[in-house]
PDB file of N, CA and C in Angstrom:
ATOM      1  N   MET A   1      73.049 -33.245  73.501  1.00  0.00           N
ATOM      2  CA  MET A   1      72.074 -33.738  74.448  1.00  0.00           C
ATOM      3  C   MET A   1      70.755 -33.965  73.717  1.00  0.00           C
ATOM      4  N   LYS A   2      70.212 -35.159  73.861  1.00  0.00           N
ATOM      5  CA  LYS A   2      68.933 -35.479  73.247  1.00  0.00           C
ATOM      6  C   LYS A   2      67.817 -35.119  74.212  1.00  0.00           C
ATOM      7  N   MET A   3      66.738 -34.563  73.648  1.00  0.00           N
ATOM      8  CA  MET A   3      65.594 -34.183  74.464  1.00  0.00           C
ATOM      9  C   MET A   3      64.496 -35.216  74.252  1.00  0.00           C
ATOM     10  N   PRO A   4      64.176 -36.035  75.246  1.00  0.00           N
ATOM     11  CA  PRO A   4      63.132 -37.036  75.045  1.00  0.00           C
ATOM     12  C   PRO A   4      61.748 -36.396  74.994  1.00  0.00           C
ATOM     13  N   THR A   5      60.842 -37.037  74.253  1.00  0.00           N
ATOM     14  CA  THR A   5      59.463 -36.580  74.179  1.00  0.00           C
ATOM     15  C   THR A   5      58.664 -37.245  75.288  1.00  0.00           C
ATOM     16  N   LYS A   6      57.357 -37.027  75.285  1.00  0.00           N
ATOM     17  CA  LYS A   6      56.488 -37.609  76.306  1.00  0.00           C
ATOM     18  C   LYS A   6      56.602 -39.129  76.351  1.00  0.00           C
ATOM     19  N   ASN A   7      56.764 -39.760  75.176  1.00  0.00           N
ATOM     20  CA  ASN A   7      56.857 -41.220  75.144  1.00  0.00           C
ATOM     21  C   ASN A   7      58.298 -41.711  75.287  1.00  0.00           C
ATOM     22  N   GLY A   8      59.246 -40.808  75.523  1.00  0.00           N
ATOM     23  CA  GLY A   8      60.628 -41.180  75.774  1.00  0.00           C
ATOM     24  C   GLY A   8      61.518 -41.217  74.542  1.00  0.00           C
ATOM     25  N   SER A   9      60.965 -41.047  73.348  1.00  0.00           N
ATOM     26  CA  SER A   9      61.784 -41.072  72.137  1.00  0.00           C
ATOM     27  C   SER A   9      62.323 -39.673  71.831  1.00  0.00           C
ATOM     28  N   THR A  10      63.319 -39.622  70.970  1.00  0.00           N
ATOM     29  CA  THR A  10      63.886 -38.345  70.554  1.00  0.00           C
ATOM     30  C   THR A  10      62.952 -37.723  69.516  1.00  0.00           C
ATOM     31  N   PRO A  11      62.591 -36.437  69.672  1.00  0.00           N
ATOM     32  CA  PRO A  11      61.650 -35.830  68.729  1.00  0.00           C
ATOM     33  C   PRO A  11      62.259 -35.637  67.350  1.00  0.00           C
ATOM     34  N   GLN A  12      61.415 -35.777  66.333  1.00  0.00           N
ATOM     35  CA  GLN A  12      61.844 -35.476  64.975  1.00  0.00           C
ATOM     36  C   GLN A  12      61.527 -34.010  64.738  1.00  0.00           C
ATOM     37  N   LEU A  13      62.533 -33.244  64.341  1.00  0.00           N
ATOM     38  CA  LEU A  13      62.369 -31.814  64.115  1.00  0.00           C
ATOM     39  C   LEU A  13      62.346 -31.534  62.625  1.00  0.00           C
ATOM     40  N   ILE A  14      61.453 -30.607  62.210  1.00  0.00           N
ATOM     41  CA  ILE A  14      61.341 -30.259  60.793  1.00  0.00           C
ATOM     42  C   ILE A  14      61.595 -28.765  60.613  1.00  0.00           C
ATOM     43  N   SER A  15      62.054 -28.418  59.443  1.00  0.00           N
ATOM     44  CA  SER A  15      62.381 -27.024  59.118  1.00  0.00           C
ATOM     45  C   SER A  15      61.129 -26.261  58.714  1.00  0.00           C
ATOM     46  N   ALA A  16      61.281 -24.945  58.580  1.00  0.00           N
ATOM     47  CA  ALA A  16      60.186 -24.095  58.112  1.00  0.00           C
ATOM     48  C   ALA A  16      59.781 -24.508  56.700  1.00  0.00           C
ATOM     49  N   LYS A  17      60.756 -24.829  55.873  1.00  0.00           N
ATOM     50  CA  LYS A  17      60.458 -25.253  54.501  1.00  0.00           C
ATOM     51  C   LYS A  17      59.592 -26.508  54.505  1.00  0.00           C
ATOM     52  N   THR A  18      59.958 -27.483  55.312  1.00  0.00           N
ATOM     53  CA  THR A  18      59.206 -28.731  55.379  1.00  0.00           C
ATOM     54  C   THR A  18      57.810 -28.504  55.948  1.00  0.00           C
ATOM     55  N   LEU A  19      57.708 -27.668  56.982  1.00  0.00           N
ATOM     56  CA  LEU A  19      56.404 -27.380  57.572  1.00  0.00           C
ATOM     57  C   LEU A  19      55.510 -26.661  56.568  1.00  0.00           C
ATOM     58  N   ALA A  20      56.045 -25.686  55.863  1.00  0.00           N
ATOM     59  CA  ALA A  20      55.262 -24.960  54.856  1.00  0.00           C
ATOM     60  C   ALA A  20      54.778 -25.914  53.767  1.00  0.00           C
ATOM     61  N   GLU A  21      55.640 -26.821  53.328  1.00  0.00           N
ATOM     62  CA  GLU A  21      55.243 -27.804  52.320  1.00  0.00           C
ATOM     63  C   GLU A  21      54.138 -28.710  52.850  1.00  0.00           C
ATOM     64  N   LYS A  22      54.270 -29.142  54.088  1.00  0.00           N
ATOM     65  CA  LYS A  22      53.277 -30.003  54.722  1.00  0.00           C
ATOM     66  C   LYS A  22      51.918 -29.312  54.795  1.00  0.00           C
ATOM     67  N   LEU A  23      51.912 -28.008  55.039  1.00  0.00           N
ATOM     68  CA  LEU A  23      50.674 -27.240  55.159  1.00  0.00           C
ATOM     69  C   LEU A  23      50.196 -26.694  53.815  1.00  0.00           C
ATOM     70  N   ASP A  24      51.008 -26.873  52.770  1.00  0.00           N
ATOM     71  CA  ASP A  24      50.712 -26.365  51.431  1.00  0.00           C
ATOM     72  C   ASP A  24      50.534 -24.845  51.439  1.00  0.00           C
ATOM     73  N   ILE A  25      51.479 -24.178  52.103  1.00  0.00           N
ATOM     74  CA  ILE A  25      51.502 -22.721  52.162  1.00  0.00           C
ATOM     75  C   ILE A  25      52.925 -22.258  51.864  1.00  0.00           C
ATOM     76  N   SER A  26      53.094 -20.971  51.584  1.00  0.00           N
ATOM     77  CA  SER A  26      54.438 -20.437  51.344  1.00  0.00           C
ATOM     78  C   SER A  26      55.168 -20.267  52.677  1.00  0.00           C
ATOM     79  N   ARG A  27      56.471 -20.154  52.604  1.00  0.00           N
ATOM     80  CA  ARG A  27      57.246 -19.908  53.825  1.00  0.00           C
ATOM     81  C   ARG A  27      56.907 -18.542  54.406  1.00  0.00           C
ATOM     82  N   ARG A  28      56.593 -17.579  53.547  1.00  0.00           N
ATOM     83  CA  ARG A  28      56.205 -16.244  54.031  1.00  0.00           C
ATOM     84  C   ARG A  28      54.897 -16.325  54.813  1.00  0.00           C
ATOM     85  N   THR A  29      53.934 -17.104  54.324  1.00  0.00           N
ATOM     86  CA  THR A  29      52.673 -17.277  55.046  1.00  0.00           C
ATOM     87  C   THR A  29      52.935 -17.955  56.388  1.00  0.00           C
ATOM     88  N   LEU A  30      53.840 -18.922  56.401  1.00  0.00           N
ATOM     89  CA  LEU A  30      54.205 -19.567  57.658  1.00  0.00           C
ATOM     90  C   LEU A  30      54.787 -18.545  58.634  1.00  0.00           C
ATOM     91  N   GLN A  31      55.627 -17.649  58.143  1.00  0.00           N
ATOM     92  CA  GLN A  31      56.199 -16.605  59.006  1.00  0.00           C
ATOM     93  C   GLN A  31      55.098 -15.717  59.584  1.00  0.00           C
ATOM     94  N   ARG A  32      54.115 -15.374  58.756  1.00  0.00           N
ATOM     95  CA  ARG A  32      53.002 -14.545  59.243  1.00  0.00           C
ATOM     96  C   ARG A  32      52.215 -15.280  60.327  1.00  0.00           C
ATOM     97  N   LEU A  33      51.925 -16.542  60.070  1.00  0.00           N
ATOM     98  CA  LEU A  33      51.181 -17.337  61.054  1.00  0.00           C
ATOM     99  C   LEU A  33      51.977 -17.467  62.352  1.00  0.00           C
ATOM    100  N   GLN A  34      53.279 -17.649  62.214  1.00  0.00           N
ATOM    101  CA  GLN A  34      54.144 -17.766  63.391  1.00  0.00           C
ATOM    102  C   GLN A  34      54.132 -16.466  64.196  1.00  0.00           C
ATOM    103  N   SER A  35      54.174 -15.328  63.509  1.00  0.00           N
ATOM    104  CA  SER A  35      54.186 -14.048  64.222  1.00  0.00           C
ATOM    105  C   SER A  35      52.865 -13.789  64.943  1.00  0.00           C
ATOM    106  N   LYS A  36      51.777 -14.373  64.434  1.00  0.00           N
ATOM    107  CA  LYS A  36      50.466 -14.238  65.084  1.00  0.00           C
ATOM    108  C   LYS A  36      50.240 -15.304  66.160  1.00  0.00           C
ATOM    109  N   GLY A  37      51.160 -16.251  66.273  1.00  0.00           N
ATOM    110  CA  GLY A  37      51.002 -17.329  67.249  1.00  0.00           C
ATOM    111  C   GLY A  37      49.985 -18.374  66.816  1.00  0.00           C
ATOM    112  N   GLU A  38      49.785 -18.516  65.499  1.00  0.00           N
ATOM    113  CA  GLU A  38      48.781 -19.436  64.978  1.00  0.00           C
ATOM    114  C   GLU A  38      49.326 -20.801  64.584  1.00  0.00           C
ATOM    115  N   VAL A  39      50.614 -21.016  64.803  1.00  0.00           N
ATOM    116  CA  VAL A  39      51.213 -22.333  64.582  1.00  0.00           C
ATOM    117  C   VAL A  39      51.879 -22.735  65.891  1.00  0.00           C
ATOM    118  N   PRO A  40      52.138 -24.037  66.073  1.00  0.00           N
ATOM    119  CA  PRO A  40      52.842 -24.444  67.300  1.00  0.00           C
ATOM    120  C   PRO A  40      54.160 -23.691  67.431  1.00  0.00           C
ATOM    121  N   PRO A  41      54.579 -23.424  68.645  1.00  0.00           N
ATOM    122  CA  PRO A  41      55.835 -22.683  68.822  1.00  0.00           C
ATOM    123  C   PRO A  41      57.035 -23.491  68.331  1.00  0.00           C
ATOM    124  N   PRO A  42      57.953 -22.833  67.645  1.00  0.00           N
ATOM    125  CA  PRO A  42      59.140 -23.533  67.161  1.00  0.00           C
ATOM    126  C   PRO A  42      60.176 -23.707  68.267  1.00  0.00           C
ATOM    127  N   ILE A  43      61.139 -24.547  67.959  1.00  0.00           N
ATOM    128  CA  ILE A  43      62.299 -24.754  68.833  1.00  0.00           C
ATOM    129  C   ILE A  43      63.458 -24.050  68.144  1.00  0.00           C
ATOM    130  N   ARG A  44      64.133 -23.183  68.864  1.00  0.00           N
ATOM    131  CA  ARG A  44      65.270 -22.458  68.289  1.00  0.00           C
ATOM    132  C   ARG A  44      66.570 -23.120  68.747  1.00  0.00           C
ATOM    133  N   LEU A  45      67.390 -23.473  67.761  1.00  0.00           N
ATOM    134  CA  LEU A  45      68.677 -24.116  68.025  1.00  0.00           C
ATOM    135  C   LEU A  45      69.749 -23.270  67.360  1.00  0.00           C
ATOM    136  N   GLY A  46      70.384 -22.408  68.130  1.00  0.00           N
ATOM    137  CA  GLY A  46      71.350 -21.485  67.548  1.00  0.00           C
ATOM    138  C   GLY A  46      70.623 -20.582  66.570  1.00  0.00           C
ATOM    139  N   GLY A  47      71.018 -20.594  65.312  1.00  0.00           N
ATOM    140  CA  GLY A  47      70.353 -19.794  64.291  1.00  0.00           C
ATOM    141  C   GLY A  47      69.248 -20.540  63.558  1.00  0.00           C
ATOM    142  N   SER A  48      69.011 -21.790  63.933  1.00  0.00           N
ATOM    143  CA  SER A  48      68.000 -22.605  63.254  1.00  0.00           C
ATOM    144  C   SER A  48      66.670 -22.561  63.988  1.00  0.00           C
ATOM    145  N   VAL A  49      65.596 -22.681  63.217  1.00  0.00           N
ATOM    146  CA  VAL A  49      64.247 -22.752  63.771  1.00  0.00           C
ATOM    147  C   VAL A  49      63.653 -24.063  63.286  1.00  0.00           C
ATOM    148  N   ARG A  50      63.181 -24.876  64.208  1.00  0.00           N
ATOM    149  CA  ARG A  50      62.611 -26.181  63.873  1.00  0.00           C
ATOM    150  C   ARG A  50      61.318 -26.382  64.644  1.00  0.00           C
ATOM    151  N   TRP A  51      60.472 -27.258  64.108  1.00  0.00           N
ATOM    152  CA  TRP A  51      59.229 -27.619  64.775  1.00  0.00           C
ATOM    153  C   TRP A  51      59.252 -29.102  65.088  1.00  0.00           C
ATOM    154  N   ASN A  52      58.679 -29.450  66.231  1.00  0.00           N
ATOM    155  CA  ASN A  52      58.552 -30.840  66.630  1.00  0.00           C
ATOM    156  C   ASN A  52      57.451 -31.460  65.779  1.00  0.00           C
ATOM    157  N   LEU A  53      57.784 -32.495  65.009  1.00  0.00           N
ATOM    158  CA  LEU A  53      56.839 -33.109  64.083  1.00  0.00           C
ATOM    159  C   LEU A  53      55.623 -33.667  64.816  1.00  0.00           C
ATOM    160  N   ASP A  54      55.805 -34.240  65.990  1.00  0.00           N
ATOM    161  CA  ASP A  54      54.670 -34.777  66.755  1.00  0.00           C
ATOM    162  C   ASP A  54      53.703 -33.666  67.157  1.00  0.00           C
ATOM    163  N   GLU A  55      54.229 -32.517  67.575  1.00  0.00           N
ATOM    164  CA  GLU A  55      53.368 -31.384  67.949  1.00  0.00           C
ATOM    165  C   GLU A  55      52.612 -30.851  66.733  1.00  0.00           C
ATOM    166  N   VAL A  56      53.299 -30.797  65.589  1.00  0.00           N
ATOM    167  CA  VAL A  56      52.660 -30.326  64.363  1.00  0.00           C
ATOM    168  C   VAL A  56      51.552 -31.294  63.954  1.00  0.00           C
ATOM    169  N   ALA A  57      51.817 -32.588  64.019  1.00  0.00           N
ATOM    170  CA  ALA A  57      50.813 -33.588  63.644  1.00  0.00           C
ATOM    171  C   ALA A  57      49.586 -33.486  64.546  1.00  0.00           C
ATOM    172  N   GLU A  58      49.805 -33.306  65.836  1.00  0.00           N
ATOM    173  CA  GLU A  58      48.685 -33.159  66.781  1.00  0.00           C
ATOM    174  C   GLU A  58      47.888 -31.890  66.473  1.00  0.00           C
ATOM    175  N   TRP A  59      48.582 -30.814  66.163  1.00  0.00           N
ATOM    176  CA  TRP A  59      47.941 -29.538  65.831  1.00  0.00           C
ATOM    177  C   TRP A  59      47.077 -29.693  64.574  1.00  0.00           C
ATOM    178  N   ILE A  60      47.602 -30.398  63.580  1.00  0.00           N
ATOM    179  CA  ILE A  60      46.850 -30.627  62.340  1.00  0.00           C
ATOM    180  C   ILE A  60      45.625 -31.485  62.629  1.00  0.00           C
ATOM    181  N   GLU A  61      45.801 -32.547  63.419  1.00  0.00           N
ATOM    182  CA  GLU A  61      44.678 -33.428  63.768  1.00  0.00           C
ATOM    183  C   GLU A  61      43.578 -32.673  64.505  1.00  0.00           C
ATOM    184  N   ASN A  62      43.967 -31.651  65.257  1.00  0.00           N
ATOM    185  CA  ASN A  62      42.995 -30.870  66.020  1.00  0.00           C
ATOM    186  C   ASN A  62      42.368 -29.743  65.202  1.00  0.00           C
ATOM    187  N   GLY A  63      42.654 -29.699  63.909  1.00  0.00           N
ATOM    188  CA  GLY A  63      41.990 -28.740  63.037  1.00  0.00           C
ATOM    189  C   GLY A  63      42.782 -27.490  62.727  1.00  0.00           C
ATOM    190  N   CYS A  64      44.025 -27.421  63.047  1.00  0.00           N
ATOM    191  CA  CYS A  64      44.962 -26.310  62.847  1.00  0.00           C
ATOM    192  C   CYS A  64      44.379 -24.961  62.429  1.00  0.00           C
ATOM    193  N   PHE A  65      43.633 -24.876  61.340  1.00  0.00           N
ATOM    194  CA  PHE A  65      43.066 -23.612  60.880  1.00  0.00           C
ATOM    195  C   PHE A  65      41.550 -23.755  60.810  1.00  0.00           C
ATOM    196  N   PRO A  66      40.851 -23.896  61.923  1.00  0.00           N
ATOM    197  CA  PRO A  66      39.417 -24.189  61.836  1.00  0.00           C
ATOM    198  C   PRO A  66      38.623 -23.181  61.018  1.00  0.00           C
ATOM    199  N   GLU A  67      38.865 -21.881  61.174  1.00  0.00           N
ATOM    200  CA  GLU A  67      38.091 -20.896  60.420  1.00  0.00           C
ATOM    201  C   GLU A  67      38.424 -20.941  58.939  1.00  0.00           C
ATOM    202  N   ARG A  68      39.680 -21.160  58.605  1.00  0.00           N
ATOM    203  CA  ARG A  68      40.087 -21.255  57.201  1.00  0.00           C
ATOM    204  C   ARG A  68      39.493 -22.509  56.559  1.00  0.00           C
ATOM    205  N   LEU A  69      39.554 -23.636  57.278  1.00  0.00           N
ATOM    206  CA  LEU A  69      39.012 -24.876  56.741  1.00  0.00           C
ATOM    207  C   LEU A  69      37.506 -24.775  56.550  1.00  0.00           C
ATOM    208  N   ASN A  70      36.814 -24.159  57.496  1.00  0.00           N
ATOM    209  CA  ASN A  70      35.362 -23.984  57.374  1.00  0.00           C
ATOM    210  C   ASN A  70      35.032 -23.129  56.159  1.00  0.00           C
ATOM    211  N   ARG A  71      35.786 -22.064  55.942  1.00  0.00           N
ATOM    212  CA  ARG A  71      35.557 -21.175  54.810  1.00  0.00           C
ATOM    213  C   ARG A  71      35.778 -21.927  53.494  1.00  0.00           C
ATOM    214  N   GLU A  72      36.853 -22.705  53.415  1.00  0.00           N
ATOM    215  CA  GLU A  72      37.139 -23.450  52.200  1.00  0.00           C
ATOM    216  C   GLU A  72      36.092 -24.524  51.953  1.00  0.00           C
ATOM    217  N   ASN A  73      35.633 -25.197  53.007  1.00  0.00           N
ATOM    218  CA  ASN A  73      34.595 -26.211  52.855  1.00  0.00           C
ATOM    219  C   ASN A  73      33.294 -25.583  52.382  1.00  0.00           C
ATOM    220  N   SER A  74      32.950 -24.403  52.895  1.00  0.00           N
ATOM    221  CA  SER A  74      31.737 -23.713  52.475  1.00  0.00           C
ATOM    222  C   SER A  74      31.822 -23.332  51.003  1.00  0.00           C
ATOM    223  N   GLN A  75      32.970 -22.848  50.581  1.00  0.00           N
ATOM    224  CA  GLN A  75      33.162 -22.480  49.175  1.00  0.00           C
ATOM    225  C   GLN A  75      33.027 -23.709  48.279  1.00  0.00           C
ATOM    226  N   ALA A  76      33.606 -24.823  48.693  1.00  0.00           N
ATOM    227  CA  ALA A  76      33.546 -26.053  47.899  1.00  0.00           C
ATOM    228  C   ALA A  76      32.105 -26.546  47.792  1.00  0.00           C
ATOM    229  N   GLN A  77      31.355 -26.484  48.882  1.00  0.00           N
ATOM    230  CA  GLN A  77      29.950 -26.903  48.861  1.00  0.00           C
ATOM    231  C   GLN A  77      29.129 -25.987  47.969  1.00  0.00           C
ATOM    232  N   SER A  78      29.395 -24.697  47.989  1.00  0.00           N
ATOM    233  CA  SER A  78      28.664 -23.746  47.146  1.00  0.00           C
ATOM    234  C   SER A  78      28.904 -24.057  45.676  1.00  0.00           C
ATOM    235  N   GLU A  79      30.143 -24.380  45.327  1.00  0.00           N
ATOM    236  CA  GLU A  79      30.468 -24.705  43.947  1.00  0.00           C
ATOM    237  C   GLU A  79      29.802 -26.003  43.512  1.00  0.00           C
ATOM    238  N   GLU A  80      29.700 -26.976  44.420  1.00  0.00           N
ATOM    239  CA  GLU A  80      29.065 -28.245  44.104  1.00  0.00           C
ATOM    240  C   GLU A  80      27.561 -28.071  43.875  1.00  0.00           C
ATOM    241  N   ASN A  81      26.952 -27.133  44.562  1.00  0.00           N
ATOM    242  CA  ASN A  81      25.509 -26.911  44.478  1.00  0.00           C
ATOM    243  C   ASN A  81      25.108 -26.120  43.246  1.00  0.00           C
ATOM    244  N   ARG A  82      26.054 -25.608  42.499  1.00  0.00           N
ATOM    245  CA  ARG A  82      25.744 -24.808  41.299  1.00  0.00           C
ATOM    246  C   ARG A  82      25.313 -25.669  40.154  1.00  0.00           C
TER     247      ARG A  82
END
């Protein structure tokens, strides 16, 4: 059974490995973020865990890790000012 998305298309699902690569983090870090509820909720299919690519893209566009990104941007600006 195909599950249509909001626009009626079938969602593209990605694995934890693919999501971690997309975020440039380790799979272990992804597991930690998932346990804290800091990533979009996954879809569980039997023993598999997948994420809806559209939901992940929207989450990234909305700033996914705002405090982490702010900290990294501040560090980069400090280094540039030296």
